Protein backbone atom coordinates (compact mmCIF):
# COMPACT_ATOMS: atom_id res chain seq x y z
CA MET A 1 4.59 -3.79 -20.58
CA ARG A 2 3.44 -3.07 -23.77
CA LYS A 3 2.24 0.15 -22.86
CA PHE A 4 5.04 1.19 -21.12
CA GLY A 5 7.22 -0.12 -24.22
CA VAL A 6 5.24 2.66 -26.27
CA VAL A 7 6.26 5.54 -23.94
CA LEU A 8 9.18 4.67 -23.61
CA LEU A 9 9.08 4.77 -27.72
CA VAL A 10 7.88 7.99 -27.09
CA VAL A 11 10.61 9.32 -25.19
CA PHE A 12 13.65 8.29 -26.72
CA LEU A 13 11.70 9.03 -30.45
CA PHE A 14 11.30 12.86 -28.36
CA ALA A 15 14.98 12.89 -26.66
CA SER A 16 15.94 12.25 -30.62
CA VAL A 17 14.32 15.04 -31.88
CA ALA A 18 15.73 17.16 -29.37
CA ASN A 19 19.24 15.93 -30.60
CA ALA A 20 17.80 17.08 -33.93
CA GLN A 21 16.42 20.28 -32.69
CA LYS A 22 20.22 20.68 -31.82
CA LYS A 23 21.52 20.43 -35.13
CA VAL A 24 19.26 22.57 -36.84
CA LEU A 25 16.45 24.04 -34.79
CA ASP A 26 18.20 24.82 -31.78
CA LYS A 27 17.88 28.30 -30.57
CA ILE A 28 19.78 29.32 -27.09
CA VAL A 29 17.73 29.93 -24.54
CA ALA A 30 20.19 31.15 -21.68
CA VAL A 31 23.44 32.58 -22.34
CA VAL A 32 25.76 32.33 -19.06
CA GLY A 33 29.02 34.25 -19.27
CA SER A 34 30.57 32.69 -22.38
CA ASN A 35 28.95 29.34 -21.93
CA ILE A 36 25.55 28.87 -24.23
CA ILE A 37 22.01 26.69 -22.89
CA LEU A 38 20.44 25.41 -25.76
CA LEU A 39 16.65 24.60 -26.03
CA SER A 40 17.76 21.23 -26.61
CA ASP A 41 19.31 20.90 -23.50
CA ILE A 42 16.82 21.36 -21.42
CA GLU A 43 14.32 19.19 -23.43
CA THR A 44 16.54 16.61 -23.66
CA GLY A 45 16.73 17.29 -19.99
CA TYR A 46 13.10 16.98 -19.47
CA ALA A 47 13.09 13.87 -21.91
CA GLN A 48 15.20 12.15 -19.05
CA TYR A 49 13.04 13.18 -16.84
CA LEU A 50 9.78 11.77 -18.42
CA LEU A 51 12.07 7.71 -19.54
CA GLN A 52 11.88 7.83 -15.17
CA GLY A 53 8.59 6.68 -15.16
CA THR A 54 7.15 10.34 -14.32
CA PRO A 55 4.17 11.93 -15.11
CA PRO A 56 3.91 14.70 -17.89
CA ASN A 57 4.84 18.47 -16.35
CA PRO A 58 5.88 20.78 -18.99
CA ALA A 59 6.02 23.42 -15.80
CA LEU A 60 9.30 21.39 -14.58
CA LYS A 61 11.20 22.80 -17.92
CA CYS A 62 11.95 26.62 -15.98
CA GLN A 63 13.42 23.90 -12.93
CA ILE A 64 15.80 22.59 -15.38
CA ALA A 65 16.81 26.07 -17.04
CA GLN A 66 17.91 27.09 -13.70
CA ASN A 67 19.14 23.47 -12.72
CA LEU A 68 21.11 24.36 -16.42
CA ILE A 69 22.25 27.76 -15.60
CA SER A 70 23.51 27.33 -11.90
CA GLN A 71 25.61 24.65 -13.57
CA LYS A 72 27.43 26.84 -15.92
CA LEU A 73 28.20 29.10 -13.18
CA LEU A 74 29.44 26.30 -10.84
CA THR A 75 31.18 25.10 -13.67
CA ALA A 76 32.48 28.20 -14.74
CA GLN A 77 34.01 29.16 -10.83
CA ALA A 78 35.57 25.41 -11.14
CA VAL A 79 37.68 26.28 -13.93
CA ILE A 80 39.13 29.36 -12.09
CA ASP A 81 39.76 27.42 -8.95
CA SER A 82 41.02 24.49 -10.88
CA ILE A 83 38.95 21.58 -10.15
CA GLU A 84 38.64 18.42 -12.24
CA VAL A 85 37.15 15.25 -12.07
CA LYS A 86 38.72 11.39 -13.53
CA GLU A 87 38.01 10.00 -16.10
CA SER A 88 37.69 7.13 -14.74
CA GLU A 89 34.93 8.60 -12.16
CA ILE A 90 33.54 10.07 -15.48
CA ASP A 91 32.90 6.62 -16.97
CA ASP A 92 31.83 5.08 -13.60
CA GLU A 93 28.86 7.49 -13.92
CA VAL A 94 28.30 7.00 -17.49
CA ASP A 95 28.14 3.17 -16.94
CA ARG A 96 25.85 3.31 -14.11
CA ARG A 97 23.09 5.64 -15.83
CA MET A 98 23.53 3.17 -18.78
CA ARG A 99 22.71 0.64 -16.93
CA GLN A 100 19.62 2.14 -15.32
CA SER A 101 18.30 3.11 -19.14
CA ILE A 102 19.05 -0.28 -20.09
CA GLN A 103 17.15 -2.09 -17.38
CA ARG A 104 14.20 0.62 -18.02
CA ALA A 105 14.19 -0.21 -21.48
CA GLY A 106 14.53 -3.83 -20.78
CA GLY A 107 17.94 -4.35 -22.69
CA GLU A 108 20.43 -3.00 -24.59
CA ASP A 109 19.12 -4.21 -28.25
CA LYS A 110 15.44 -2.44 -27.05
CA LEU A 111 17.40 0.65 -25.70
CA ALA A 112 19.20 0.70 -28.90
CA GLN A 113 15.52 0.56 -31.25
CA PHE A 114 14.71 3.23 -29.20
CA LEU A 115 17.59 5.52 -28.92
CA GLY A 116 17.74 5.27 -32.89
CA ARG A 117 21.66 4.77 -33.27
CA PRO A 118 23.71 2.43 -31.20
CA VAL A 119 23.97 2.51 -27.41
CA GLU A 120 28.12 3.28 -26.96
CA GLN A 121 27.93 5.72 -29.50
CA TYR A 122 25.03 7.43 -26.95
CA LYS A 123 27.30 7.10 -24.02
CA ASP A 124 29.70 9.16 -25.73
CA GLU A 125 27.54 12.11 -26.38
CA ILE A 126 25.89 11.84 -22.75
CA ARG A 127 29.76 12.29 -21.70
CA PRO A 128 30.35 15.73 -22.22
CA ASP A 129 26.95 16.30 -19.55
CA VAL A 130 27.97 13.67 -16.58
CA LYS A 131 31.36 15.29 -16.91
CA GLU A 132 29.96 19.27 -16.66
CA MET A 133 27.81 17.78 -13.53
CA LEU A 134 30.56 15.93 -12.23
CA VAL A 135 32.30 18.97 -11.99
CA SER A 136 29.67 21.29 -10.79
CA GLU A 137 28.92 18.99 -7.99
CA ARG A 138 32.36 19.08 -6.60
CA MET A 139 32.76 23.01 -6.82
CA ARG A 140 29.15 22.55 -4.83
CA SER A 141 31.60 20.88 -2.09
CA LYS A 142 33.71 22.89 -1.95
CA ILE A 143 31.83 26.48 -1.74
CA THR A 144 30.31 24.52 1.55
CA GLU A 145 33.47 22.26 2.80
CA LYS A 146 33.80 24.80 5.59
CA VAL A 147 29.73 24.50 6.76
CA ASN A 148 30.46 23.80 10.69
CA THR A 149 27.02 23.74 12.87
CA THR A 150 27.62 24.89 16.44
CA PRO A 151 25.18 23.50 19.19
CA LEU A 152 24.45 27.91 19.21
CA ASP A 153 23.36 26.93 15.62
CA VAL A 154 21.23 24.39 16.46
CA LYS A 155 19.75 26.76 19.04
CA LYS A 156 18.95 29.35 17.10
CA TYR A 157 17.46 27.54 14.17
CA PHE A 158 15.05 25.31 16.32
CA GLU A 159 13.92 29.05 17.72
CA THR A 160 12.94 29.97 14.73
CA PHE A 161 10.08 27.99 14.47
CA LYS A 162 6.46 28.78 17.01
CA LYS A 163 5.86 25.77 19.03
CA ASP A 164 2.90 25.18 17.73
CA SER A 165 4.52 24.71 14.51
CA LEU A 166 6.81 22.64 15.22
CA PRO A 167 7.12 18.81 13.56
CA MET A 168 5.97 15.66 15.41
CA ILE A 169 8.42 12.74 15.45
CA SER A 170 6.66 9.44 14.89
CA LYS A 171 7.33 6.48 17.13
CA GLU A 172 11.27 5.04 16.82
CA VAL A 173 12.25 1.99 18.07
CA GLU A 174 16.46 0.29 18.46
CA VAL A 175 15.78 -2.81 16.90
CA GLY A 176 18.60 -5.67 17.06
CA GLU A 177 18.84 -8.97 15.31
CA ILE A 178 20.32 -12.67 15.16
CA VAL A 179 19.95 -13.67 11.72
CA PHE A 180 20.20 -17.66 11.32
CA ASN A 181 19.92 -18.73 7.28
CA PRO A 182 19.64 -21.49 6.66
CA LYS A 183 22.48 -23.94 5.36
CA LEU A 184 22.18 -26.50 2.70
CA THR A 185 24.78 -29.80 2.73
CA ASN A 186 26.70 -30.39 -0.40
CA GLU A 187 23.60 -32.85 -1.08
CA GLU A 188 21.25 -30.15 -0.71
CA LYS A 189 23.50 -27.97 -3.15
CA GLU A 190 24.54 -30.90 -5.98
CA TYR A 191 21.22 -30.56 -8.04
CA SER A 192 21.95 -26.46 -8.61
CA LYS A 193 25.90 -27.00 -9.21
CA GLN A 194 24.61 -29.97 -11.67
CA LYS A 195 22.23 -27.37 -13.49
CA ALA A 196 25.40 -24.41 -13.53
CA GLU A 197 27.94 -27.20 -15.14
CA GLY A 198 25.01 -28.07 -17.57
CA LEU A 199 24.06 -25.15 -18.60
CA LEU A 200 27.66 -24.49 -18.88
CA ALA A 201 28.12 -27.28 -21.35
CA ARG A 202 25.68 -26.37 -23.24
CA VAL A 203 27.90 -22.46 -23.72
CA LYS A 204 30.54 -24.23 -24.38
CA ALA A 205 28.64 -26.33 -27.45
CA GLY A 206 27.95 -23.18 -28.76
CA GLU A 207 24.42 -22.07 -27.48
CA ASP A 208 23.60 -18.09 -27.07
CA PHE A 209 25.34 -17.00 -23.43
CA ALA A 210 22.65 -14.20 -23.08
CA ALA A 211 19.67 -16.57 -24.62
CA LEU A 212 20.13 -19.08 -21.75
CA ALA A 213 20.86 -16.70 -19.25
CA ILE A 214 17.17 -15.31 -19.46
CA ALA A 215 15.91 -18.41 -19.67
CA TYR A 216 17.45 -19.87 -16.64
CA SER A 217 19.79 -17.27 -14.64
CA GLN A 218 18.36 -16.91 -10.92
CA ASP A 219 19.74 -13.20 -10.88
CA PRO A 220 16.57 -11.49 -11.57
CA LYS A 221 18.31 -7.79 -12.64
CA SER A 222 20.86 -8.98 -15.07
CA ALA A 223 19.00 -12.62 -16.42
CA VAL A 224 16.49 -9.65 -18.68
CA ASP A 225 19.73 -8.51 -19.81
CA GLY A 226 21.18 -11.76 -21.03
CA GLY A 227 23.24 -11.75 -17.87
CA ASP A 228 25.07 -8.14 -18.82
CA LEU A 229 25.81 -7.20 -14.94
CA GLY A 230 27.73 -4.37 -17.17
CA TRP A 231 30.88 -2.47 -15.70
CA GLY A 232 32.47 -2.73 -12.11
CA SER A 233 35.24 -3.32 -9.89
CA ARG A 234 36.44 -5.48 -7.66
CA GLY A 235 34.84 -3.80 -4.75
CA ASP A 236 31.45 -4.27 -6.97
CA TYR A 237 31.59 -7.96 -6.40
CA VAL A 238 31.50 -10.27 -4.02
CA LYS A 239 34.98 -11.83 -3.81
CA GLU A 240 34.76 -15.21 -5.69
CA PHE A 241 33.37 -13.47 -8.13
CA SER A 242 36.12 -10.89 -8.77
CA ALA A 243 38.69 -13.60 -7.97
CA VAL A 244 37.34 -15.23 -11.17
CA ALA A 245 36.50 -12.36 -13.24
CA PHE A 246 39.74 -11.04 -13.28
CA LYS A 247 41.42 -13.91 -14.26
CA LEU A 248 39.31 -14.25 -17.25
CA LYS A 249 40.38 -13.18 -20.77
CA THR A 250 38.94 -10.99 -23.13
CA GLY A 251 35.82 -13.75 -23.87
CA GLU A 252 36.46 -16.46 -21.64
CA VAL A 253 34.20 -18.26 -19.87
CA SER A 254 34.66 -19.50 -16.21
CA PRO A 255 34.07 -22.31 -14.59
CA VAL A 256 31.05 -23.31 -12.56
CA PHE A 257 31.82 -21.78 -8.71
CA GLU A 258 30.11 -21.02 -5.79
CA SER A 259 29.37 -17.80 -3.66
CA ASP A 260 26.90 -16.61 -1.28
CA PHE A 261 24.23 -16.19 -3.81
CA GLY A 262 24.90 -19.50 -5.18
CA TYR A 263 26.13 -21.26 -7.76
CA HIS A 264 27.71 -19.08 -10.75
CA PHE A 265 29.78 -19.45 -13.89
CA LEU A 266 30.82 -16.05 -15.98
CA GLN A 267 32.23 -14.55 -19.64
CA LEU A 268 34.61 -11.69 -18.92
CA ILE A 269 33.08 -9.54 -22.32
CA GLU A 270 36.17 -6.69 -21.49
CA ARG A 271 38.20 -5.11 -19.34
CA ARG A 272 39.26 -1.44 -18.88
CA GLY A 273 42.12 -1.78 -16.48
CA GLU A 274 40.53 -2.41 -12.38
CA GLN A 275 37.09 -2.48 -14.23
CA VAL A 276 35.44 -5.21 -16.03
CA HIS A 277 32.21 -5.97 -18.33
CA THR A 278 31.08 -9.32 -17.47
CA ARG A 279 27.77 -11.50 -17.86
CA HIS A 280 27.03 -14.63 -15.84
CA ILE A 281 24.59 -17.11 -14.98
CA LEU A 282 23.59 -17.86 -11.24
CA ILE A 283 21.64 -20.74 -10.52
CA ILE A 284 20.11 -20.84 -6.67
CA PRO A 285 19.64 -24.03 -4.50
CA ALA A 286 16.66 -24.16 -2.97
CA ILE A 287 15.83 -24.01 0.39
CA THR A 288 14.88 -27.51 1.77
CA ALA A 289 12.63 -28.29 4.86
CA ALA A 290 15.58 -29.79 6.72
CA SER A 291 17.39 -27.07 6.66
CA LEU A 292 15.05 -24.20 7.98
CA VAL A 293 14.83 -27.30 10.77
CA ARG A 294 18.31 -27.17 11.24
CA ALA A 295 18.52 -23.17 11.81
CA GLU A 296 15.42 -23.18 13.81
CA VAL A 297 17.06 -26.00 16.19
CA LYS A 298 20.32 -23.36 17.03
CA ALA A 299 18.28 -20.34 16.92
CA ASP A 300 16.41 -21.84 19.84
CA SER A 301 19.52 -22.91 21.08
CA VAL A 302 20.39 -19.35 21.30
CA TYR A 303 18.08 -17.96 22.82
CA GLN A 304 17.95 -20.39 25.75
CA LEU A 305 21.41 -19.38 26.10
CA LEU A 306 20.30 -16.05 26.47
CA MET A 307 17.26 -16.30 28.27
CA LYS A 308 19.79 -17.72 31.30
CA ASN A 309 21.17 -13.87 31.42
CA LYS A 310 19.43 -10.77 32.28
CA VAL A 311 19.78 -9.38 28.51
CA THR A 312 21.53 -6.10 28.25
CA SER A 313 22.17 -4.24 24.86
CA ASP A 314 26.84 -5.73 25.68
CA ILE A 315 25.30 -9.32 26.30
CA PHE A 316 22.92 -9.34 22.80
CA SER A 317 25.82 -7.31 20.92
CA SER A 318 28.66 -10.18 21.08
CA ALA A 319 25.96 -13.02 20.86
CA ALA A 320 24.99 -11.13 17.53
CA THR A 321 28.75 -10.70 16.12
CA TYR A 322 29.31 -15.31 17.52
CA TYR A 323 25.77 -16.86 16.03
CA SER A 324 24.44 -14.03 13.55
CA ASP A 325 24.64 -14.89 9.80
CA ASP A 326 24.07 -11.21 8.88
CA LYS A 327 27.01 -9.51 7.66
CA GLU A 328 25.77 -6.10 7.60
CA SER A 329 24.37 -6.23 11.06
CA LYS A 330 26.60 -8.66 12.82
CA TYR A 331 29.18 -6.21 13.15
CA ASN A 332 27.51 -3.72 14.26
CA GLY A 333 26.18 -5.28 17.65
CA GLY A 334 23.35 -6.85 15.96
CA MET A 335 21.70 -3.77 15.65
CA ILE A 336 19.67 -2.97 12.32
CA LEU A 337 20.50 0.29 11.00
CA ASN A 338 17.87 2.85 9.15
CA ALA A 339 17.87 2.10 5.96
CA GLU A 340 16.88 5.56 4.89
CA ASN A 341 19.79 7.02 6.73
CA VAL A 342 22.39 4.69 5.85
CA GLN A 343 25.39 7.43 5.62
CA THR A 344 25.03 8.23 9.58
CA ARG A 345 24.22 4.98 10.68
CA THR A 346 21.98 5.43 12.58
CA THR A 347 19.99 3.10 14.67
CA VAL A 348 16.82 4.84 15.33
CA ILE A 349 13.74 3.83 12.96
CA PRO A 350 10.70 5.52 13.06
CA ILE A 351 8.06 2.50 13.78
CA ASP A 352 6.13 2.93 10.37
CA LYS A 353 10.05 2.60 8.08
CA LEU A 354 10.40 -0.71 9.72
CA ASP A 355 9.62 -4.15 8.40
CA PRO A 356 5.92 -4.80 9.16
CA GLN A 357 6.66 -8.47 10.19
CA ILE A 358 9.30 -6.97 12.75
CA ALA A 359 6.94 -4.12 14.10
CA LEU A 360 4.55 -7.28 14.69
CA VAL A 361 6.75 -8.83 16.71
CA ILE A 362 8.01 -5.92 18.87
CA ASP A 363 4.87 -4.58 19.52
CA THR A 364 4.24 -6.35 22.71
CA MET A 365 8.16 -6.66 24.06
CA LYS A 366 9.20 -4.78 26.64
CA VAL A 367 12.90 -2.46 25.85
CA ASN A 368 15.64 -4.99 27.27
CA THR A 369 14.05 -7.81 26.14
CA VAL A 370 15.06 -10.70 23.91
CA SER A 371 11.95 -12.14 20.96
CA LYS A 372 11.84 -16.50 20.72
CA PRO A 373 13.03 -16.84 17.80
CA VAL A 374 10.92 -15.89 14.53
CA LEU A 375 10.68 -17.32 11.14
CA ILE A 376 10.91 -14.37 9.03
CA THR A 377 10.46 -13.95 4.63
CA ASP A 378 12.02 -11.09 3.02
CA ALA A 379 11.63 -9.29 -0.64
CA ALA A 380 13.09 -12.12 -2.09
CA GLY A 381 11.55 -14.68 -0.58
CA LYS A 382 14.26 -15.67 0.98
CA LYS A 383 13.51 -17.20 4.81
CA SER A 384 15.39 -17.17 7.68
CA TYR A 385 14.72 -17.53 11.55
CA LYS A 386 15.55 -14.70 13.43
CA ILE A 387 16.03 -13.11 17.17
CA PHE A 388 14.77 -9.62 17.97
CA TYR A 389 16.21 -7.48 20.67
CA LEU A 390 13.99 -4.39 21.58
CA ARG A 391 16.98 -1.75 22.67
CA SER A 392 14.94 1.57 23.06
CA VAL A 393 11.64 3.28 22.31
CA THR A 394 10.56 6.65 21.74
CA ASP A 395 6.95 7.42 21.82
CA ALA A 396 5.54 9.63 19.32
CA HIS A 397 5.70 13.72 20.44
CA ARG A 398 6.58 17.12 18.96
CA ALA A 399 10.03 18.04 18.35
CA ASN A 400 12.39 19.13 21.11
CA MET A 401 15.76 19.98 21.70
CA ASN A 402 16.24 17.38 24.23
CA GLN A 403 14.86 13.91 22.61
CA ASP A 404 16.04 15.15 18.68
CA PHE A 405 18.84 17.26 19.31
CA ALA A 406 20.57 14.96 16.50
CA LYS A 407 18.03 15.88 14.27
CA ILE A 408 17.52 19.01 14.65
CA LYS A 409 21.23 19.72 13.97
CA THR A 410 21.31 18.00 11.24
CA ALA A 411 18.43 20.01 9.64
CA ALA A 412 20.05 23.16 10.52
CA ASN A 413 23.56 21.99 9.08
CA GLU A 414 21.36 21.53 5.84
CA ASP A 415 19.74 25.21 6.28
CA LYS A 416 23.09 26.63 6.32
CA ILE A 417 24.05 24.79 3.50
CA ASN A 418 21.24 26.08 1.19
CA ARG A 419 21.82 29.12 2.46
CA THR A 420 25.67 29.06 2.25
CA ILE A 421 24.83 27.79 -1.66
CA SER A 422 22.58 31.02 -2.14
CA GLU A 423 24.20 33.45 -1.22
CA TRP A 424 27.03 32.13 -3.68
CA PHE A 425 24.54 31.90 -6.35
CA GLU A 426 23.53 35.34 -5.43
CA LYS A 427 26.71 36.63 -5.18
CA LYS A 428 28.27 35.59 -8.79
CA ARG A 429 24.46 35.56 -10.66
CA LYS A 430 25.46 39.71 -10.09
CA GLU A 431 29.20 39.17 -11.56
CA THR A 432 28.44 37.19 -14.47
CA PHE A 433 26.61 38.49 -17.93
CA ILE A 434 23.16 36.07 -17.66
CA LYS A 435 20.81 36.95 -20.76
CA ILE A 436 17.78 34.54 -21.09
CA ASP A 437 15.06 34.11 -23.85
CA PRO A 438 11.57 36.01 -23.52
CA GLU A 439 10.02 33.03 -23.59
CA TYR A 440 11.16 31.89 -19.96
CA GLN A 441 12.26 34.94 -18.17
CA SER A 442 8.25 34.95 -17.11
CA CYS A 443 9.50 30.88 -14.70
CA PRO A 444 9.29 31.82 -11.29
CA THR A 445 12.35 30.35 -10.45
CA LEU A 446 14.26 32.42 -12.76
CA THR A 447 12.75 35.82 -11.65
CA GLY A 448 15.87 38.38 -10.54
CA TRP A 449 18.53 35.66 -13.15
CA ALA A 450 19.06 37.74 -15.80
CA THR A 451 21.10 40.78 -16.21
CA PRO A 452 19.65 43.86 -15.87
CA PRO A 453 18.56 45.89 -19.59
CA LEU A 454 20.97 48.65 -18.54
CA THR A 455 23.07 46.75 -17.39
CA GLN A 456 23.48 44.53 -20.69
CA ALA A 457 23.48 47.98 -22.77
CA LYS A 458 27.02 48.75 -20.97
CA LEU A 459 28.67 45.68 -21.28
């Protein structure tokens, strides 16, 4: 832990030096039209890379320089096309970045110490860069918005691969679940409720909220930062939390209330329109042996009910919707989504990406069958009984159009987007005056980007 703190200190000192260079010893690395890129911009980008805990790699500065030049080209075009981003979007992204930095630093005070200046000042400093990044992303999206990948495009893309170079597709499965969470009685939850009430009384008596959160809150993400949750809108919280947070006045502390997470009380630090900055203390009621037994009994009764019928996808879907306690999968017919590809909402999961506990259960199952109730413990230590349903299995194979059309289409579409962006940059950089410092002209990623010297002379 101490070593990590030293690394952070070095990184933040490095970022501070970069800022000092920007004011005193800076130099221009590139000119892009009427915009300039400074050495300190690259050094600060590299410092942020190191802050993520990644190993030093000075060669990455070439990639950072290319990214900054690309960003300048995009933002210049965005001005012409009247592309803008809302102030609230910039606020959200700045706050997201600050939450990550605070978490990595081990708290807001430590981050301020490492930066050598208040966190709010640092937020103001990064705001222009964040705005430029968001504008460039919006411009990139506009350039590719009309990209459409037809079945013929997919076929042509697939045919660019030689048969012996086609990728291997690992074994994939579709798995459903019906989840039975242990449910506590009011009597079983009373101890935790009283503990939360006791902590609230201590806050009202004058004890430090942050110190109590660090010592007692069972929300691991916010406890280390004194319970601070940063900024958020109504949709960022469970409904019970939002209902309380948006009724408080600045500085006011709420009564204890219950949500699916446990018993909370919170303090409103600040409010800006439909966003609030809060901190809270969470006490999670401990699962009892009796509650686990009740969950197992209910799971077994549903399993017996399923076994009376020939299990089909529709029957399992109905059972999951009616009985499951998992709010995500129950409204998806009980099917587990591929966590690495949530945007497409695909239920096809590579076997090596499946929870090992689930993989072990389905290993001997046949398609269209269900498992007996199994006790599963998630990454956070939460226990529940689950019934699993194996809807499909696709064995490992070399990619082909019949079985893998959706995957190939995704890859073909990504390839088409990349080519569209590359063609746009190729055209735009020929139309734009670009001068690159000799130190960076040797970067492989910047070969051909600078305007030729003869052309520069004419300009």
